[in-house]
């Protein structure tokens, strides 16, 4: 039986991927204008959260 933490981490990763693609499409389409600093901070925060969630279960 799969570990519940692995399932949660995989679900979170897929959710972040879908939100990221939707955000990039909205930025590329011109619907949303975001400064590069804000975009960099958001990407960095997501990477840190995913890394933290991945190592927390070990």
PDB file of N, CA and C in Angstrom:
ATOM      1  N   UNK A   1       0.849  -1.180   0.000  1.00  0.00           N
ATOM      2  CA  UNK A   1       0.000   0.000   0.000  1.00  0.00           C
ATOM      3  C   UNK A   1       0.895   1.244   0.000  1.00  0.00           C
ATOM      4  N   UNK A   2       0.599   2.218  -0.852  1.00  0.00           N
ATOM      5  CA  UNK A   2       1.435   3.427  -0.915  1.00  0.00           C
ATOM      6  C   UNK A   2       1.331   4.254   0.369  1.00  0.00           C
ATOM      7  N   UNK A   3       2.408   4.939   0.642  1.00  0.00           N
ATOM      8  CA  UNK A   3       2.451   5.804   1.820  1.00  0.00           C
ATOM      9  C   UNK A   3       1.579   7.035   1.571  1.00  0.00           C
ATOM     10  N   UNK A   4       0.830   7.450   2.578  1.00  0.00           N
ATOM     11  CA  UNK A   4      -0.072   8.603   2.421  1.00  0.00           C
ATOM     12  C   UNK A   4       0.696   9.887   2.174  1.00  0.00           C
ATOM     13  N   UNK A   5       1.898  10.008   2.751  1.00  0.00           N
ATOM     14  CA  UNK A   5       2.694  11.224   2.555  1.00  0.00           C
ATOM     15  C   UNK A   5       3.143  11.346   1.113  1.00  0.00           C
ATOM     16  N   UNK A   6       3.469  10.224   0.482  1.00  0.00           N
ATOM     17  CA  UNK A   6       3.872  10.271  -0.916  1.00  0.00           C
ATOM     18  C   UNK A   6       2.700  10.704  -1.787  1.00  0.00           C
ATOM     19  N   UNK A   7       1.514  10.216  -1.474  1.00  0.00           N
ATOM     20  CA  UNK A   7       0.327  10.608  -2.238  1.00  0.00           C
ATOM     21  C   UNK A   7       0.059  12.102  -2.080  1.00  0.00           C
ATOM     22  N   UNK A   8       0.181  12.612  -0.863  1.00  0.00           N
ATOM     23  CA  UNK A   8      -0.035  14.037  -0.614  1.00  0.00           C
ATOM     24  C   UNK A   8       0.988  14.876  -1.357  1.00  0.00           C
ATOM     25  N   UNK A   9       2.262  14.445  -1.340  1.00  0.00           N
ATOM     26  CA  UNK A   9       3.317  15.190  -2.011  1.00  0.00           C
ATOM     27  C   UNK A   9       3.108  15.189  -3.520  1.00  0.00           C
ATOM     28  N   UNK A  10       2.705  14.057  -4.075  1.00  0.00           N
ATOM     29  CA  UNK A  10       2.446  13.988  -5.513  1.00  0.00           C
ATOM     30  C   UNK A  10       1.262  14.876  -5.887  1.00  0.00           C
ATOM     31  N   UNK A  11       0.228  14.877  -5.074  1.00  0.00           N
ATOM     32  CA  UNK A  11      -0.935  15.729  -5.340  1.00  0.00           C
ATOM     33  C   UNK A  11      -0.561  17.205  -5.270  1.00  0.00           C
ATOM     34  N   UNK A  12       0.252  17.566  -4.291  1.00  0.00           N
ATOM     35  CA  UNK A  12       0.692  18.957  -4.170  1.00  0.00           C
ATOM     36  C   UNK A  12       1.550  19.362  -5.362  1.00  0.00           C
ATOM     37  N   UNK A  13       2.411  18.468  -5.817  1.00  0.00           N
ATOM     38  CA  UNK A  13       3.261  18.770  -6.963  1.00  0.00           C
ATOM     39  C   UNK A  13       2.425  18.993  -8.218  1.00  0.00           C
ATOM     40  N   UNK A  14       1.423  18.151  -8.444  1.00  0.00           N
ATOM     41  CA  UNK A  14       0.551  18.306  -9.612  1.00  0.00           C
ATOM     42  C   UNK A  14      -0.242  19.602  -9.510  1.00  0.00           C
ATOM     43  N   UNK A  15      -0.729  19.936  -8.329  1.00  0.00           N
ATOM     44  CA  UNK A  15      -1.473  21.181  -8.143  1.00  0.00           C
ATOM     45  C   UNK A  15      -0.595  22.393  -8.430  1.00  0.00           C
ATOM     46  N   UNK A  16       0.638  22.382  -7.938  1.00  0.00           N
ATOM     47  CA  UNK A  16       1.566  23.488  -8.202  1.00  0.00           C
ATOM     48  C   UNK A  16       1.868  23.584  -9.691  1.00  0.00           C
ATOM     49  N   UNK A  17       2.017  22.444 -10.356  1.00  0.00           N
ATOM     50  CA  UNK A  17       2.292  22.453 -11.792  1.00  0.00           C
ATOM     51  C   UNK A  17       1.126  23.057 -12.573  1.00  0.00           C
ATOM     52  N   UNK A  18      -0.094  22.686 -12.226  1.00  0.00           N
ATOM     53  CA  UNK A  18      -1.272  23.217 -12.927  1.00  0.00           C
ATOM     54  C   UNK A  18      -1.414  24.714 -12.691  1.00  0.00           C
ATOM     55  N   UNK A  19      -1.220  25.153 -11.459  1.00  0.00           N
ATOM     56  CA  UNK A  19      -1.316  26.581 -11.149  1.00  0.00           C
ATOM     57  C   UNK A  19      -0.210  27.357 -11.859  1.00  0.00           C
ATOM     58  N   UNK A  20       0.978  26.778 -11.935  1.00  0.00           N
ATOM     59  CA  UNK A  20       2.084  27.445 -12.619  1.00  0.00           C
ATOM     60  C   UNK A  20       1.800  27.613 -14.103  1.00  0.00           C
ATOM     61  N   UNK A  21       1.292  26.576 -14.730  1.00  0.00           N
ATOM     62  CA  UNK A  21       0.964  26.661 -16.156  1.00  0.00           C
ATOM     63  C   UNK A  21      -0.138  27.691 -16.384  1.00  0.00           C
ATOM     64  N   UNK A  22      -1.157  27.684 -15.545  1.00  0.00           N
ATOM     65  CA  UNK A  22      -2.236  28.666 -15.686  1.00  0.00           C
ATOM     66  C   UNK A  22      -1.708  30.084 -15.499  1.00  0.00           C
ATOM     67  N   UNK A  23      -0.813  30.270 -14.536  1.00  0.00           N
ATOM     68  CA  UNK A  23      -0.221  31.587 -14.316  1.00  0.00           C
ATOM     69  C   UNK A  23       0.626  32.043 -15.487  1.00  0.00           C
ATOM     70  N   UNK A  24       1.429  31.141 -16.032  1.00  0.00           N
ATOM     71  CA  UNK A  24       2.266  31.506 -17.178  1.00  0.00           C
ATOM     72  C   UNK A  24       1.428  31.830 -18.407  1.00  0.00           C
ATOM     73  N   UNK A  25       0.349  31.085 -18.611  1.00  0.00           N
ATOM     74  CA  UNK A  25      -0.538  31.368 -19.744  1.00  0.00           C
ATOM     75  C   UNK A  25      -1.201  32.729 -19.572  1.00  0.00           C
ATOM     76  N   UNK A  26      -1.633  33.052 -18.364  1.00  0.00           N
ATOM     77  CA  UNK A  26      -2.275  34.353 -18.141  1.00  0.00           C
ATOM     78  C   UNK A  26      -1.274  35.498 -18.284  1.00  0.00           C
ATOM     79  N   UNK A  27      -0.024  35.282 -17.888  1.00  0.00           N
ATOM     80  CA  UNK A  27       1.001  36.314 -18.070  1.00  0.00           C
ATOM     81  C   UNK A  27       1.327  36.472 -19.546  1.00  0.00           C
ATOM     82  N   UNK A  28       1.491  35.348 -20.255  1.00  0.00           N
ATOM     83  CA  UNK A  28       1.818  35.403 -21.682  1.00  0.00           C
ATOM     84  C   UNK A  28       0.673  35.995 -22.494  1.00  0.00           C
ATOM     85  N   UNK A  29      -0.556  35.751 -22.071  1.00  0.00           N
ATOM     86  CA  UNK A  29      -1.709  36.280 -22.790  1.00  0.00           C
ATOM     87  C   UNK A  29      -1.959  37.752 -22.523  1.00  0.00           C
ATOM     88  N   UNK A  30      -1.272  38.317 -21.545  1.00  0.00           N
ATOM     89  CA  UNK A  30      -1.434  39.727 -21.248  1.00  0.00           C
ATOM     90  C   UNK A  30      -2.566  40.039 -20.295  1.00  0.00           C
ATOM     91  N   UNK A  31      -3.212  39.017 -19.739  1.00  0.00           N
ATOM     92  CA  UNK A  31      -4.319  39.257 -18.819  1.00  0.00           C
ATOM     93  C   UNK A  31      -3.822  39.737 -17.467  1.00  0.00           C
ATOM     94  N   UNK A  32      -2.613  39.333 -17.107  1.00  0.00           N
ATOM     95  CA  UNK A  32      -2.035  39.695 -15.817  1.00  0.00           C
ATOM     96  C   UNK A  32      -0.648  40.257 -16.066  1.00  0.00           C
ATOM     97  N   UNK A  33      -0.330  41.356 -15.397  1.00  0.00           N
ATOM     98  CA  UNK A  33       1.009  41.922 -15.507  1.00  0.00           C
ATOM     99  C   UNK A  33       1.673  41.813 -14.142  1.00  0.00           C
ATOM    100  N   UNK A  34       2.827  41.163 -14.128  1.00  0.00           N
ATOM    101  CA  UNK A  34       3.538  40.901 -12.884  1.00  0.00           C
ATOM    102  C   UNK A  34       4.973  41.353 -13.059  1.00  0.00           C
ATOM    103  N   UNK A  35       5.508  42.014 -12.043  1.00  0.00           N
ATOM    104  CA  UNK A  35       6.904  42.404 -12.077  1.00  0.00           C
ATOM    105  C   UNK A  35       7.810  41.187 -11.967  1.00  0.00           C
ATOM    106  N   UNK A  36       8.990  41.283 -12.537  1.00  0.00           N
ATOM    107  CA  UNK A  36       9.899  40.139 -12.529  1.00  0.00           C
ATOM    108  C   UNK A  36      10.331  39.771 -11.108  1.00  0.00           C
ATOM    109  N   UNK A  37      10.413  40.760 -10.218  1.00  0.00           N
ATOM    110  CA  UNK A  37      10.800  40.463  -8.843  1.00  0.00           C
ATOM    111  C   UNK A  37       9.741  39.617  -8.149  1.00  0.00           C
ATOM    112  N   UNK A  38       8.492  39.967  -8.367  1.00  0.00           N
ATOM    113  CA  UNK A  38       7.393  39.217  -7.746  1.00  0.00           C
ATOM    114  C   UNK A  38       7.343  37.802  -8.311  1.00  0.00           C
ATOM    115  N   UNK A  39       7.531  37.680  -9.614  1.00  0.00           N
ATOM    116  CA  UNK A  39       7.517  36.362 -10.243  1.00  0.00           C
ATOM    117  C   UNK A  39       8.660  35.500  -9.706  1.00  0.00           C
ATOM    118  N   UNK A  40       9.836  36.080  -9.563  1.00  0.00           N
ATOM    119  CA  UNK A  40      10.976  35.343  -9.021  1.00  0.00           C
ATOM    120  C   UNK A  40      10.754  34.914  -7.583  1.00  0.00           C
ATOM    121  N   UNK A  41      10.167  35.789  -6.780  1.00  0.00           N
ATOM    122  CA  UNK A  41       9.871  35.437  -5.389  1.00  0.00           C
ATOM    123  C   UNK A  41       8.843  34.310  -5.304  1.00  0.00           C
ATOM    124  N   UNK A  42       7.834  34.357  -6.162  1.00  0.00           N
ATOM    125  CA  UNK A  42       6.805  33.318  -6.149  1.00  0.00           C
ATOM    126  C   UNK A  42       7.386  31.964  -6.549  1.00  0.00           C
ATOM    127  N   UNK A  43       8.204  31.950  -7.589  1.00  0.00           N
ATOM    128  CA  UNK A  43       8.818  30.691  -8.028  1.00  0.00           C
ATOM    129  C   UNK A  43       9.750  30.154  -6.943  1.00  0.00           C
ATOM    130  N   UNK A  44      10.542  31.022  -6.356  1.00  0.00           N
ATOM    131  CA  UNK A  44      11.439  30.595  -5.286  1.00  0.00           C
ATOM    132  C   UNK A  44      10.692  30.049  -4.085  1.00  0.00           C
ATOM    133  N   UNK A  45       9.605  30.701  -3.718  1.00  0.00           N
ATOM    134  CA  UNK A  45       8.807  30.236  -2.578  1.00  0.00           C
ATOM    135  C   UNK A  45       8.205  28.860  -2.850  1.00  0.00           C
ATOM    136  N   UNK A  46       7.716  28.642  -4.057  1.00  0.00           N
ATOM    137  CA  UNK A  46       7.150  27.331  -4.402  1.00  0.00           C
ATOM    138  C   UNK A  46       8.213  26.244  -4.361  1.00  0.00           C
ATOM    139  N   UNK A  47       9.394  26.542  -4.882  1.00  0.00           N
ATOM    140  CA  UNK A  47      10.470  25.547  -4.851  1.00  0.00           C
ATOM    141  C   UNK A  47      10.878  25.213  -3.419  1.00  0.00           C
ATOM    142  N   UNK A  48      10.965  26.225  -2.578  1.00  0.00           N
ATOM    143  CA  UNK A  48      11.325  25.989  -1.179  1.00  0.00           C
ATOM    144  C   UNK A  48      10.251  25.158  -0.479  1.00  0.00           C
ATOM    145  N   UNK A  49       8.980  25.466  -0.730  1.00  0.00           N
ATOM    146  CA  UNK A  49       7.900  24.692  -0.107  1.00  0.00           C
ATOM    147  C   UNK A  49       7.907  23.238  -0.558  1.00  0.00           C
ATOM    148  N   UNK A  50       8.125  23.004  -1.856  1.00  0.00           N
ATOM    149  CA  UNK A  50       8.174  21.629  -2.343  1.00  0.00           C
ATOM    150  C   UNK A  50       9.372  20.881  -1.764  1.00  0.00           C
ATOM    151  N   UNK A  51      10.514  21.545  -1.691  1.00  0.00           N
ATOM    152  CA  UNK A  51      11.701  20.917  -1.111  1.00  0.00           C
ATOM    153  C   UNK A  51      11.467  20.585   0.359  1.00  0.00           C
ATOM    154  N   UNK A  52      10.891  21.524   1.091  1.00  0.00           N
ATOM    155  CA  UNK A  52      10.621  21.309   2.510  1.00  0.00           C
ATOM    156  C   UNK A  52       9.638  20.153   2.707  1.00  0.00           C
ATOM    157  N   UNK A  53       8.582  20.121   1.886  1.00  0.00           N
ATOM    158  CA  UNK A  53       7.598  19.044   2.008  1.00  0.00           C
ATOM    159  C   UNK A  53       8.225  17.696   1.661  1.00  0.00           C
ATOM    160  N   UNK A  54       9.156  17.699   0.714  1.00  0.00           N
ATOM    161  CA  UNK A  54       9.801  16.449   0.325  1.00  0.00           C
ATOM    162  C   UNK A  54      10.729  15.900   1.390  1.00  0.00           C
ATOM    163  N   UNK A  55      11.477  16.768   2.053  1.00  0.00           N
ATOM    164  CA  UNK A  55      12.425  16.273   3.052  1.00  0.00           C
ATOM    165  C   UNK A  55      11.785  16.104   4.426  1.00  0.00           C
ATOM    166  N   UNK A  56      10.636  16.701   4.632  1.00  0.00           N
ATOM    167  CA  UNK A  56       9.970  16.598   5.931  1.00  0.00           C
ATOM    168  C   UNK A  56       9.538  15.168   6.217  1.00  0.00           C
ATOM    169  N   UNK A  57       9.150  14.444   5.197  1.00  0.00           N
ATOM    170  CA  UNK A  57       8.664  13.080   5.391  1.00  0.00           C
ATOM    171  C   UNK A  57       9.757  12.050   5.582  1.00  0.00           C
ATOM    172  N   UNK A  58      10.999  12.427   5.456  1.00  0.00           N
ATOM    173  CA  UNK A  58      12.095  11.444   5.584  1.00  0.00           C
ATOM    174  C   UNK A  58      12.537  11.283   7.001  1.00  0.00           C
TER     175      UNK A  58
END
